[in-house]
Amino acid sequence: MVGLLLGLCLFLSASICTGATLKKVIVVARHGNRAPNAPVPYLCPNMKPQLEEFREPIFSKYGAALSRVGLAENWESGNYLREKYGYLLPEGSYVNDGSSFFFAERMDRNVASLLSLIQGLFPEGTGQPGYLRSRPNIVPIMTTMHKLDTLMNLPRDGPCKPTYQRDRKRWEAEHIPTLRRKQHALLSKISAACGTDLTEVKKPLTWAIKNVADAFSFARNEGLDFDINATLSHETIQEFIDLSHQLVTEELFGRDEQVTYWMGRMPEVLLRLARKPSTQDSTASAPLRSTGDRLKIGVFLNHRELMMALAKMLQIDDVVKQDLPAGSMFIFEVYSDEDSDESSMKMKFWRPTQPTPQEKYRGGYVDGDLLDHYGLGSATEIRPKICEGKAKCMWSDYRQALQRWTRRTGTWEEICHAKATPFGPPEDTLVNDDDDDDVFMSPHDHALHSILFGSSTVRSGAVQDSHHPAAAVADFGDDSLKELREALETALKSRGTMGKVRAQLRAEIFNTLNDTEGRSEQRTCLVCFDWPLSRYFEFNGYHHSLSTFTAGKSNNLRPDVTGSSESGTPEERPFSREFLQQEIGAHPALAEGPMPLMYKLVPCRRVKGDEGSSPFTEGAPPSPSAFKVAHHRLEIALDLS
């Protein structure tokens, strides 16, 4: 019996030792509760007293500001991350060491939401001393760029906007007539209470419905009067909010291709951040080594649509049956398994606390103790459909889910007929830059910026060396021929052999494609041009170009040519310079001197065009200055060919 217990203890101990270790957490969050959009006072003028209670500038074009409840919701999100995962970060105050990053979509409410979340994660009083007595943590954040967003808001603020607008107009043309007819009774109730006929506004009906429904939802979540002085029942308002959510889901995500462009680059970025690093952390012998494991917590803060698109791609249908709560989060826990070469992942859905309307109103607008009512938010594990029935959901499962989806729909670039324009510093200048005036970027920062700000496709200048710290997270891991080619190209460039390999490859391709049958009558003419051009390459030391050219042409010169040397120079001349001069009927003086015949032919052609006569067959050869002009023009011609 004792032996059995001992064996059981050893088994449990081994299971614990060989278990998964949490390495990092990646968060995709929604902004908190906010004030309604600026058009609401015109769409629902009878709601004006309720809108004024937000005490936000709703009546200008700067509406939709984060509300007090919204600030509390995002603060609670950060506080949850601190309590649950704070041990992953360095102790004490915030340290800009690459262990965390914070990225917001550029709209004000998202930036404010992220700042509030950071206050929960790094609370006041824990910052570095010597600045302010309150010791706040000053944490840098990143945001997207106007009209260049391929990560957070691609359809509305990126290159997919034309496709997005076209899809919306097509849906509206097909469905709004039916919507007017089927929802006539509900729309009439809401219009009467608001004081404006929503079906008569100049904008699309779905736009009007969403704006007013959001106003009801945000006012209710704020603890304010949302029933327009009891002119609408709460059941009617909820029915209207549900209708709005249904319309948004159908209009924006009705086709799988729409889900793809709403996700943008985010799934690829998440996978690259979560991939198990291939390099080791800093050691005593290598104290400056930086790896992907340096990242512990990363936060993306955005609108609800991105989270809805991710949930649809992963087929987590229960999450998006109703509108996502303001301040909610998708949390991706990334684990390192000793018995696996890849990371395992857990996905959690976090909802903020929902105090009563009375508690929200008194805490936010009367007593000022709103945060006292927050701290009971809940996190529930959710599993993508591809992981159902599996003990663990691996990194490759998430990648397979994305690949299956995009194979069916195409990539967002293909759907939108667009291409990502990388912004931020060029990747190749961040590590291999000798300019002392530039700000140095550490390898882990370079890796992170390559992922966040780069294009979807890994560029040839990106770090791909498996021994380089940035490679741990910079490689998305798509085993495509394109990425393999780019990785090989980078390795060859680093060894200085790319030029020679390119020349040899071009020569081999030429030999494969070059069918010499039926061309015997063309060979004499080709020789008259091929040999002087080869001589030009040889004279100027263009050995790689020469090897490519002669490898494809040597068999066409003459049967007595035996081939070419490693440098590309023909081992045996097909004929003399004098023979070529006679063959083409050039002036005898052109065959004299060490200069390649090509130098003399090109300026002759130029002079003929300028003066109406040509020394090609009469007169003396051109002057040395003409050789320089010819050399320059010939180089330009070769570069363009």
Foldseek 3Di string as FASTA:
>chain_A
DVVVVVVVVVVVVVCVVQDWDFQAKEKEWEFFFWQFALCLCVLFVLCVVLSVVQVDPSVDRLGGAQGPRRLLLLLLLLLVCCVPQVVNDDPFADDPPLQEAEEEEPRNRRVSSRVSSVCNNGPFPRADPDPDPSRGHDHDHHYDDAQQDQAFACCPGYLLVVVLVVLLVVCLVVPVVVVCVVCVVLQVLSCVLRVHRLPPDPDRSLVSLLSLLSNLVSSQLLLTDRCSVVSHDPVSSVVSNLVSLVVCCCSQPVDLLSLQSNNGLHLLLVLLLQKFFPDDDADPVRNQADASSSHHYYYYYHHQSNVVSLCVLLVQPVCSSDGHHRSKMWMWTWIDGPVDNTIFIWIKIKDWDRDHSVLSCCCRPNPVPNSVRTDPIDIDIDHRPQCPPPPTHTSVSSVVSVVVSCVVNPHNCVSSVHWRDFDDDDLLCQDPNPDPVDDHDRLSRSLSSCSPRNTSDRDLSHDCPSHHRSNRRNDSPDPDPVVVVSSVLNVCVVVVNNLQVVLVVLLVVLQVPDDCPPCLVVLVVVLLPLPLVLVQCVVVVVQSPLLSSCSNCVVSHDPPFPGPDPSNHGPDDSDALQVSCVVVQFDNQLSDDDDRSQLQVQLQVVVCVVPVDGNRNPDHTDDPVSSVVSVVVVVVVVVVD
